[in-house]
Amino acid sequence: MSPTPSERTPSERTSEERGRTTRGVFGSGLAKGLAVTLRTMTRRSVTEHYPDVQPDLPPRTRGVIGLFEENCTVCMLCARECPDWCIYIDSHKETVPPAAPGGRERSRNVLDRFAIDFALCMYCGICIEVCPFDALFWSPEFEYAETDIRELTHERDKLREWMWTVPEPPGLDERAEEAKELAAARKAADKAAQTAEAERLAAHREQPPQETAPAHESPSSQEAASGESAPGGAATGESASGEPAPGGSLPGGSTPGAARDEDRRDGDA
């Protein structure tokens, strides 16, 4: 005698029996869906007024890729790792003369072309992650649609322009350890500042002391100077009280003795 459906274990029940037990009340799924629709209908819709109002994007938005050409060493890692093969790089080798006499010449790669076809790019960011020299960066700019699909292939000049829109990296945690690069740069800057200060002090000690003129004159010299340049002084033949000074001259070039002789002759006449 076979067991009844209620006596069977969950593993022994058929899929139809399990569906009947988990289905629940008929139409419950439809009621839940209608409840979501009614709840959304009662809310006020929000419309983004783009392009009149720019969207507020996160700082690490994957908009477009910028190229910092000075850091690129043409290692080809980004082009090899790209799953869409949308990065095109051309370069040539140049011979660098030795840095010191007797040294060997070195060869280096010179970048001729760096282009990204954004019509094929899937914005995965693998090229940015694998770049060992920090030559590629994400920019939040996204307004570069074109009517011609060929214009979506950005050459290195265009990629360089996107670098000016790359936001600054977020600040580190205050409790985090300082980066080794920053510590080394700060140490070198402090050492250079100390060296410059020591050279300045040494040059200051070697300079001979210079004689400086007195800033202020003594009171006696000031009085003498004021007496010589006072109005009606020796230049006009009068003292400070307004009387003719001895041996001085009157206005008009005559002396006091000549003036008295003229008065006596006028009286005799």
C-alpha atoms as a PDB file:
ATOM      1  CA  MET A   1       0.000   0.000   0.000  1.00  0.00           C
ATOM      2  CA  SER A   2       1.502   3.293  -1.099  1.00  0.00           C
ATOM      3  CA  PRO A   3       1.596   6.214   1.348  1.00  0.00           C
ATOM      4  CA  THR A   4      -0.823   9.080   0.915  1.00  0.00           C
ATOM      5  CA  PRO A   5       0.524  12.487  -0.312  1.00  0.00           C
ATOM      6  CA  SER A   6       0.416  13.870   3.223  1.00  0.00           C
ATOM      7  CA  GLU A   7       2.483  10.939   4.514  1.00  0.00           C
ATOM      8  CA  ARG A   8       5.252  11.308   1.885  1.00  0.00           C
ATOM      9  CA  THR A   9       8.511  13.035   2.685  1.00  0.00           C
ATOM     10  CA  PRO A  10       9.433  16.294   0.771  1.00  0.00           C
ATOM     11  CA  SER A  11      11.911  14.344  -1.387  1.00  0.00           C
ATOM     12  CA  GLU A  12       9.240  11.787  -2.332  1.00  0.00           C
ATOM     13  CA  ARG A  13       6.618  14.328  -3.378  1.00  0.00           C
ATOM     14  CA  THR A  14       6.200  15.067  -7.062  1.00  0.00           C
ATOM     15  CA  SER A  15       6.852  18.487  -8.575  1.00  0.00           C
ATOM     16  CA  GLU A  16       3.119  19.005  -9.058  1.00  0.00           C
ATOM     17  CA  GLU A  17       2.437  18.366  -5.391  1.00  0.00           C
ATOM     18  CA  ARG A  18       5.274  20.689  -4.326  1.00  0.00           C
ATOM     19  CA  GLY A  19       3.913  23.408  -6.634  1.00  0.00           C
ATOM     20  CA  ARG A  20       0.442  23.120  -5.113  1.00  0.00           C
ATOM     21  CA  THR A  21       1.765  23.482  -1.584  1.00  0.00           C
ATOM     22  CA  THR A  22       4.018  26.515  -2.357  1.00  0.00           C
ATOM     23  CA  ARG A  23       1.624  28.292  -4.703  1.00  0.00           C
ATOM     24  CA  GLY A  24      -0.537  29.559  -1.873  1.00  0.00           C
ATOM     25  CA  VAL A  25      -3.643  31.609  -2.505  1.00  0.00           C
ATOM     26  CA  PHE A  26      -4.655  31.969  -6.120  1.00  0.00           C
ATOM     27  CA  GLY A  27      -3.843  35.433  -7.520  1.00  0.00           C
ATOM     28  CA  SER A  28      -1.501  36.522  -4.686  1.00  0.00           C
ATOM     29  CA  GLY A  29       1.333  37.261  -7.176  1.00  0.00           C
ATOM     30  CA  LEU A  30      -0.965  39.395  -9.295  1.00  0.00           C
ATOM     31  CA  ALA A  31      -2.080  41.322  -6.220  1.00  0.00           C
ATOM     32  CA  LYS A  32       1.542  42.029  -5.227  1.00  0.00           C
ATOM     33  CA  GLY A  33       2.343  43.293  -8.707  1.00  0.00           C
ATOM     34  CA  LEU A  34      -0.696  45.570  -8.744  1.00  0.00           C
ATOM     35  CA  ALA A  35       0.263  46.887  -5.311  1.00  0.00           C
ATOM     36  CA  VAL A  36       3.683  47.939  -6.620  1.00  0.00           C
ATOM     37  CA  THR A  37       2.059  49.611  -9.623  1.00  0.00           C
ATOM     38  CA  LEU A  38      -0.434  51.525  -7.475  1.00  0.00           C
ATOM     39  CA  ARG A  39       2.289  52.591  -5.051  1.00  0.00           C
ATOM     40  CA  THR A  40       4.406  53.954  -7.921  1.00  0.00           C
ATOM     41  CA  MET A  41       1.454  55.739  -9.515  1.00  0.00           C
ATOM     42  CA  THR A  42       0.828  57.770  -6.365  1.00  0.00           C
ATOM     43  CA  ARG A  43       4.402  59.119  -6.255  1.00  0.00           C
ATOM     44  CA  ARG A  44       5.447  62.274  -8.032  1.00  0.00           C
ATOM     45  CA  SER A  45       7.608  61.617 -11.069  1.00  0.00           C
ATOM     46  CA  VAL A  46      11.060  63.226 -11.240  1.00  0.00           C
ATOM     47  CA  THR A  47      12.326  64.233 -14.666  1.00  0.00           C
ATOM     48  CA  GLU A  48      15.962  65.104 -15.323  1.00  0.00           C
ATOM     49  CA  HIS A  49      16.038  68.318 -17.359  1.00  0.00           C
ATOM     50  CA  TYR A  50      19.091  67.363 -19.347  1.00  0.00           C
ATOM     51  CA  PRO A  51      20.895  69.073 -21.098  1.00  0.00           C
ATOM     52  CA  ASP A  52      19.639  72.267 -19.437  1.00  0.00           C
ATOM     53  CA  VAL A  53      20.568  70.829 -16.043  1.00  0.00           C
ATOM     54  CA  GLN A  54      23.707  68.718 -15.825  1.00  0.00           C
ATOM     55  CA  PRO A  55      23.388  65.492 -13.853  1.00  0.00           C
ATOM     56  CA  ASP A  56      25.179  65.156 -10.549  1.00  0.00           C
ATOM     57  CA  LEU A  57      27.529  62.275 -11.329  1.00  0.00           C
ATOM     58  CA  PRO A  58      29.774  60.445  -8.876  1.00  0.00           C
ATOM     59  CA  PRO A  59      33.446  61.483  -9.054  1.00  0.00           C
ATOM     60  CA  ARG A  60      34.537  58.041 -10.314  1.00  0.00           C
ATOM     61  CA  THR A  61      32.048  57.855 -13.165  1.00  0.00           C
ATOM     62  CA  ARG A  62      33.338  55.939 -16.190  1.00  0.00           C
ATOM     63  CA  GLY A  63      32.763  58.525 -18.871  1.00  0.00           C
ATOM     64  CA  VAL A  64      35.837  58.673 -21.095  1.00  0.00           C
ATOM     65  CA  ILE A  65      39.498  57.642 -20.850  1.00  0.00           C
ATOM     66  CA  GLY A  66      42.239  60.257 -20.666  1.00  0.00           C
ATOM     67  CA  LEU A  67      45.877  59.707 -21.643  1.00  0.00           C
ATOM     68  CA  PHE A  68      48.847  61.193 -19.772  1.00  0.00           C
ATOM     69  CA  GLU A  69      51.357  60.790 -22.574  1.00  0.00           C
ATOM     70  CA  GLU A  70      54.471  61.591 -20.506  1.00  0.00           C
ATOM     71  CA  ASN A  71      53.948  58.439 -18.407  1.00  0.00           C
ATOM     72  CA  CYS A  72      53.418  56.076 -21.345  1.00  0.00           C
ATOM     73  CA  THR A  73      56.374  53.768 -22.052  1.00  0.00           C
ATOM     74  CA  VAL A  74      54.701  51.874 -24.943  1.00  0.00           C
ATOM     75  CA  CYS A  75      54.712  48.634 -22.951  1.00  0.00           C
ATOM     76  CA  MET A  76      51.567  47.516 -24.873  1.00  0.00           C
ATOM     77  CA  LEU A  77      49.961  46.000 -21.781  1.00  0.00           C
ATOM     78  CA  CYS A  78      46.727  47.946 -22.243  1.00  0.00           C
ATOM     79  CA  ALA A  79      46.403  46.920 -25.897  1.00  0.00           C
ATOM     80  CA  ARG A  80      47.085  43.244 -25.128  1.00  0.00           C
ATOM     81  CA  GLU A  81      44.649  43.067 -22.202  1.00  0.00           C
ATOM     82  CA  CYS A  82      41.812  44.940 -23.919  1.00  0.00           C
ATOM     83  CA  PRO A  83      38.980  42.396 -24.528  1.00  0.00           C
ATOM     84  CA  ASP A  84      37.586  44.452 -27.436  1.00  0.00           C
ATOM     85  CA  TRP A  85      40.903  45.225 -29.147  1.00  0.00           C
ATOM     86  CA  CYS A  86      39.928  48.886 -29.391  1.00  0.00           C
ATOM     87  CA  ILE A  87      43.326  50.380 -28.459  1.00  0.00           C
ATOM     88  CA  TYR A  88      45.742  51.128 -31.287  1.00  0.00           C
ATOM     89  CA  ILE A  89      49.400  51.917 -30.509  1.00  0.00           C
ATOM     90  CA  ASP A  90      52.265  52.657 -32.903  1.00  0.00           C
ATOM     91  CA  SER A  91      55.838  53.432 -31.884  1.00  0.00           C
ATOM     92  CA  HIS A  92      59.438  53.358 -33.033  1.00  0.00           C
ATOM     93  CA  LYS A  93      62.812  52.917 -31.338  1.00  0.00           C
ATOM     94  CA  GLU A  94      65.355  55.668 -30.844  1.00  0.00           C
ATOM     95  CA  THR A  95      68.972  55.430 -29.725  1.00  0.00           C
ATOM     96  CA  VAL A  96      69.853  57.492 -26.673  1.00  0.00           C
ATOM     97  CA  PRO A  97      73.492  58.596 -26.319  1.00  0.00           C
ATOM     98  CA  PRO A  98      75.342  57.482 -23.196  1.00  0.00           C
ATOM     99  CA  ALA A  99      74.882  59.639 -20.132  1.00  0.00           C
ATOM    100  CA  ALA A 100      78.612  59.498 -19.258  1.00  0.00           C
ATOM    101  CA  PRO A 101      81.711  59.147 -21.438  1.00  0.00           C
ATOM    102  CA  GLY A 102      82.514  55.526 -22.102  1.00  0.00           C
ATOM    103  CA  GLY A 103      78.960  54.353 -21.459  1.00  0.00           C
ATOM    104  CA  ARG A 104      76.755  52.332 -23.749  1.00  0.00           C
ATOM    105  CA  GLU A 105      74.026  53.686 -25.942  1.00  0.00           C
ATOM    106  CA  ARG A 106      70.484  52.802 -24.971  1.00  0.00           C
ATOM    107  CA  SER A 107      67.350  52.394 -27.038  1.00  0.00           C
ATOM    108  CA  ARG A 108      63.903  53.541 -26.013  1.00  0.00           C
ATOM    109  CA  ASN A 109      60.391  53.363 -27.454  1.00  0.00           C
ATOM    110  CA  VAL A 110      58.881  56.599 -28.721  1.00  0.00           C
ATOM    111  CA  LEU A 111      55.093  56.853 -28.963  1.00  0.00           C
ATOM    112  CA  ASP A 112      53.814  57.685 -32.453  1.00  0.00           C
ATOM    113  CA  ARG A 113      50.124  56.919 -32.113  1.00  0.00           C
ATOM    114  CA  PHE A 114      47.760  56.112 -29.244  1.00  0.00           C
ATOM    115  CA  ALA A 115      44.074  55.850 -30.146  1.00  0.00           C
ATOM    116  CA  ILE A 116      40.974  54.375 -28.509  1.00  0.00           C
ATOM    117  CA  ASP A 117      37.874  53.447 -30.494  1.00  0.00           C
ATOM    118  CA  PHE A 118      34.996  54.264 -28.144  1.00  0.00           C
ATOM    119  CA  ALA A 119      32.539  52.729 -30.624  1.00  0.00           C
ATOM    120  CA  LEU A 120      33.997  49.347 -29.586  1.00  0.00           C
ATOM    121  CA  CYS A 121      34.976  50.133 -25.996  1.00  0.00           C
ATOM    122  CA  MET A 122      32.876  48.396 -23.343  1.00  0.00           C
ATOM    123  CA  TYR A 123      34.162  50.644 -20.515  1.00  0.00           C
ATOM    124  CA  CYS A 124      35.441  47.755 -18.466  1.00  0.00           C
ATOM    125  CA  GLY A 125      38.485  49.707 -17.237  1.00  0.00           C
ATOM    126  CA  ILE A 126      40.944  46.836 -17.631  1.00  0.00           C
ATOM    127  CA  CYS A 127      43.390  49.041 -19.552  1.00  0.00           C
ATOM    128  CA  ILE A 128      43.467  51.524 -16.669  1.00  0.00           C
ATOM    129  CA  GLU A 129      43.969  48.820 -14.064  1.00  0.00           C
ATOM    130  CA  VAL A 130      46.833  47.044 -15.841  1.00  0.00           C
ATOM    131  CA  CYS A 131      48.791  50.206 -16.755  1.00  0.00           C
ATOM    132  CA  PRO A 132      51.917  50.034 -14.541  1.00  0.00           C
ATOM    133  CA  PHE A 133      52.903  53.681 -15.062  1.00  0.00           C
ATOM    134  CA  ASP A 134      49.583  55.511 -14.453  1.00  0.00           C
ATOM    135  CA  ALA A 135      49.176  56.774 -18.012  1.00  0.00           C
ATOM    136  CA  LEU A 136      45.401  56.159 -18.323  1.00  0.00           C
ATOM    137  CA  PHE A 137      42.670  57.685 -16.159  1.00  0.00           C
ATOM    138  CA  TRP A 138      38.883  57.787 -16.003  1.00  0.00           C
ATOM    139  CA  SER A 139      37.130  61.081 -16.639  1.00  0.00           C
ATOM    140  CA  PRO A 140      33.433  61.668 -15.808  1.00  0.00           C
ATOM    141  CA  GLU A 141      32.863  63.512 -19.115  1.00  0.00           C
ATOM    142  CA  PHE A 142      30.309  61.730 -21.290  1.00  0.00           C
ATOM    143  CA  GLU A 143      29.228  64.332 -23.843  1.00  0.00           C
ATOM    144  CA  TYR A 144      31.201  63.235 -26.894  1.00  0.00           C
ATOM    145  CA  ALA A 145      28.517  61.760 -29.130  1.00  0.00           C
ATOM    146  CA  GLU A 146      29.188  62.009 -32.865  1.00  0.00           C
ATOM    147  CA  THR A 147      27.060  61.702 -35.989  1.00  0.00           C
ATOM    148  CA  ASP A 148      29.893  59.833 -37.721  1.00  0.00           C
ATOM    149  CA  ILE A 149      31.044  56.641 -36.039  1.00  0.00           C
ATOM    150  CA  ARG A 150      34.575  57.223 -37.279  1.00  0.00           C
ATOM    151  CA  GLU A 151      34.816  60.311 -35.086  1.00  0.00           C
ATOM    152  CA  LEU A 152      34.548  58.109 -31.985  1.00  0.00           C
ATOM    153  CA  THR A 153      38.146  56.999 -32.496  1.00  0.00           C
ATOM    154  CA  HIS A 154      40.022  59.465 -30.308  1.00  0.00           C
ATOM    155  CA  GLU A 155      43.683  60.004 -31.112  1.00  0.00           C
ATOM    156  CA  ARG A 156      46.282  60.894 -28.502  1.00  0.00           C
ATOM    157  CA  ASP A 157      45.723  64.653 -28.851  1.00  0.00           C
ATOM    158  CA  LYS A 158      42.046  64.223 -28.035  1.00  0.00           C
ATOM    159  CA  LEU A 159      42.835  61.779 -25.236  1.00  0.00           C
ATOM    160  CA  ARG A 160      45.267  64.323 -23.799  1.00  0.00           C
ATOM    161  CA  GLU A 161      42.505  66.939 -23.692  1.00  0.00           C
ATOM    162  CA  TRP A 162      40.374  64.600 -21.580  1.00  0.00           C
ATOM    163  CA  MET A 163      43.137  64.575 -18.941  1.00  0.00           C
ATOM    164  CA  TRP A 164      42.210  68.112 -17.873  1.00  0.00           C
ATOM    165  CA  THR A 165      38.750  66.851 -16.848  1.00  0.00           C
ATOM    166  CA  VAL A 166      40.042  64.034 -14.631  1.00  0.00           C
ATOM    167  CA  PRO A 167      39.066  64.775 -10.999  1.00  0.00           C
ATOM    168  CA  GLU A 168      41.593  64.705  -8.200  1.00  0.00           C
ATOM    169  CA  PRO A 169      41.952  61.399  -6.358  1.00  0.00           C
ATOM    170  CA  PRO A 170      40.012  61.125  -3.105  1.00  0.00           C
ATOM    171  CA  GLY A 171      41.861  61.924   0.071  1.00  0.00           C
ATOM    172  CA  LEU A 172      43.309  59.162   2.183  1.00  0.00           C
ATOM    173  CA  ASP A 173      42.043  58.232   5.586  1.00  0.00           C
ATOM    174  CA  GLU A 174      43.602  60.382   8.303  1.00  0.00           C
ATOM    175  CA  ARG A 175      44.624  57.243  10.187  1.00  0.00           C
ATOM    176  CA  ALA A 176      46.151  55.617   7.112  1.00  0.00           C
ATOM    177  CA  GLU A 177      49.901  55.329   6.728  1.00  0.00           C
ATOM    178  CA  GLU A 178      51.504  57.915   4.487  1.00  0.00           C
ATOM    179  CA  ALA A 179      52.446  56.717   1.025  1.00  0.00           C
ATOM    180  CA  LYS A 180      56.122  55.880   0.539  1.00  0.00           C
ATOM    181  CA  GLU A 181      56.356  58.181  -2.472  1.00  0.00           C
ATOM    182  CA  LEU A 182      55.054  61.157  -0.495  1.00  0.00           C
ATOM    183  CA  ALA A 183      57.355  60.413   2.436  1.00  0.00           C
ATOM    184  CA  ALA A 184      60.388  60.201   0.141  1.00  0.00           C
ATOM    185  CA  ALA A 185      59.451  63.421  -1.659  1.00  0.00           C
ATOM    186  CA  ARG A 186      58.922  65.276   1.635  1.00  0.00           C
ATOM    187  CA  LYS A 187      62.249  64.023   2.982  1.00  0.00           C
ATOM    188  CA  ALA A 188      64.072  65.186  -0.142  1.00  0.00           C
ATOM    189  CA  ALA A 189      62.363  68.598   0.003  1.00  0.00           C
ATOM    190  CA  ASP A 190      63.284  69.067   3.681  1.00  0.00           C
ATOM    191  CA  LYS A 191      66.913  68.120   2.978  1.00  0.00           C
ATOM    192  CA  ALA A 192      67.100  70.576   0.071  1.00  0.00           C
ATOM    193  CA  ALA A 193      65.625  73.348   2.239  1.00  0.00           C
ATOM    194  CA  GLN A 194      68.168  72.677   5.007  1.00  0.00           C
ATOM    195  CA  THR A 195      71.035  72.744   2.504  1.00  0.00           C
ATOM    196  CA  ALA A 196      69.867  76.040   1.043  1.00  0.00           C
ATOM    197  CA  GLU A 197      69.526  77.581   4.505  1.00  0.00           C
ATOM    198  CA  ALA A 198      73.039  76.446   5.475  1.00  0.00           C
ATOM    199  CA  GLU A 199      74.493  77.943   2.284  1.00  0.00           C
ATOM    200  CA  ARG A 200      72.699  81.219   2.921  1.00  0.00           C
ATOM    201  CA  LEU A 201      74.052  81.454   6.476  1.00  0.00           C
ATOM    202  CA  ALA A 202      77.591  80.645   5.310  1.00  0.00           C
ATOM    203  CA  ALA A 203      77.455  83.341   2.635  1.00  0.00           C
ATOM    204  CA  HIS A 204      76.145  85.843   5.197  1.00  0.00           C
ATOM    205  CA  ARG A 205      79.051  85.143   7.567  1.00  0.00           C
ATOM    206  CA  GLU A 206      81.639  85.636   4.810  1.00  0.00           C
ATOM    207  CA  GLN A 207      80.384  89.116   3.903  1.00  0.00           C
ATOM    208  CA  PRO A 208      82.421  91.984   5.650  1.00  0.00           C
ATOM    209  CA  PRO A 209      80.454  94.338   7.905  1.00  0.00           C
ATOM    210  CA  GLN A 210      79.389  97.515   6.138  1.00  0.00           C
ATOM    211  CA  GLU A 211      79.537 100.992   7.772  1.00  0.00           C
ATOM    212  CA  THR A 212      76.174 102.604   7.978  1.00  0.00           C
ATOM    213  CA  ALA A 213      75.533 106.363   8.194  1.00  0.00           C
ATOM    214  CA  PRO A 214      73.798 107.659  11.358  1.00  0.00           C
ATOM    215  CA  ALA A 215      70.096 107.699  10.887  1.00  0.00           C
ATOM    216  CA  HIS A 216      69.512 110.808  13.092  1.00  0.00           C
ATOM    217  CA  GLU A 217      71.714 113.874  13.762  1.00  0.00           C
ATOM    218  CA  SER A 218      72.461 115.243  17.222  1.00  0.00           C
ATOM    219  CA  PRO A 219      70.313 118.146  18.581  1.00  0.00           C
ATOM    220  CA  SER A 220      73.253 120.584  18.443  1.00  0.00           C
ATOM    221  CA  SER A 221      73.852 119.917  14.763  1.00  0.00           C
ATOM    222  CA  GLN A 222      70.142 120.303  14.081  1.00  0.00           C
ATOM    223  CA  GLU A 223      70.101 123.704  15.861  1.00  0.00           C
ATOM    224  CA  ALA A 224      73.162 124.880  13.921  1.00  0.00           C
ATOM    225  CA  ALA A 225      71.593 123.849  10.669  1.00  0.00           C
ATOM    226  CA  SER A 226      68.347 125.582  11.546  1.00  0.00           C
ATOM    227  CA  GLY A 227      70.196 128.784  12.499  1.00  0.00           C
ATOM    228  CA  GLU A 228      72.049 128.875   9.196  1.00  0.00           C
ATOM    229  CA  SER A 229      68.967 128.306   7.091  1.00  0.00           C
ATOM    230  CA  ALA A 230      66.529 130.386   9.188  1.00  0.00           C
ATOM    231  CA  PRO A 231      64.740 133.245   7.326  1.00  0.00           C
ATOM    232  CA  GLY A 232      66.393 136.596   7.929  1.00  0.00           C
ATOM    233  CA  GLY A 233      69.658 134.999   9.124  1.00  0.00           C
ATOM    234  CA  ALA A 234      73.203 135.658   7.954  1.00  0.00           C
ATOM    235  CA  ALA A 235      72.049 135.571   4.348  1.00  0.00           C
ATOM    236  CA  THR A 236      69.838 138.642   4.911  1.00  0.00           C
ATOM    237  CA  GLY A 237      71.984 140.367   7.581  1.00  0.00           C
ATOM    238  CA  GLU A 238      69.381 139.992  10.375  1.00  0.00           C
ATOM    239  CA  SER A 239      69.354 137.942  13.541  1.00  0.00           C
ATOM    240  CA  ALA A 240      66.543 135.761  14.755  1.00  0.00           C
ATOM    241  CA  SER A 241      65.036 138.765  16.615  1.00  0.00           C
ATOM    242  CA  GLY A 242      64.676 140.775  13.375  1.00  0.00           C
ATOM    243  CA  GLU A 243      67.609 143.228  14.034  1.00  0.00           C
ATOM    244  CA  PRO A 244      70.481 143.589  11.571  1.00  0.00           C
ATOM    245  CA  ALA A 245      73.250 141.182  12.344  1.00  0.00           C
ATOM    246  CA  PRO A 246      76.792 142.546  12.834  1.00  0.00           C
ATOM    247  CA  GLY A 247      78.603 142.714   9.548  1.00  0.00           C
ATOM    248  CA  GLY A 248      75.452 141.763   7.750  1.00  0.00           C
ATOM    249  CA  SER A 249      73.757 143.431   4.838  1.00  0.00           C
ATOM    250  CA  LEU A 250      70.402 145.099   4.456  1.00  0.00           C
ATOM    251  CA  PRO A 251      67.941 144.482   1.657  1.00  0.00           C
ATOM    252  CA  GLY A 252      69.226 146.068  -1.513  1.00  0.00           C
ATOM    253  CA  GLY A 253      72.868 145.200  -0.838  1.00  0.00           C
ATOM    254  CA  SER A 254      73.736 148.191   1.513  1.00  0.00           C
ATOM    255  CA  THR A 255      75.463 147.856   4.876  1.00  0.00           C
ATOM    256  CA  PRO A 256      74.266 149.440   8.181  1.00  0.00           C
ATOM    257  CA  GLY A 257      77.193 151.994   8.213  1.00  0.00           C
ATOM    258  CA  ALA A 258      76.422 153.247   4.739  1.00  0.00           C
ATOM    259  CA  ALA A 259      72.770 153.703   5.704  1.00  0.00           C
ATOM    260  CA  ARG A 260      73.727 155.911   8.736  1.00  0.00           C
ATOM    261  CA  ASP A 261      76.012 158.111   6.563  1.00  0.00           C
ATOM    262  CA  GLU A 262      73.187 158.699   4.140  1.00  0.00           C
ATOM    263  CA  ASP A 263      70.828 159.722   6.991  1.00  0.00           C
ATOM    264  CA  ARG A 264      73.441 162.223   8.328  1.00  0.00           C
ATOM    265  CA  ARG A 265      73.910 163.865   4.926  1.00  0.00           C
ATOM    266  CA  ASP A 266      70.148 164.190   4.539  1.00  0.00           C
ATOM    267  CA  GLY A 267      69.966 165.965   7.938  1.00  0.00           C
ATOM    268  CA  ASP A 268      72.777 168.450   7.063  1.00  0.00           C
ATOM    269  CA  ALA A 269      71.033 169.321   3.853  1.00  0.00           C
END
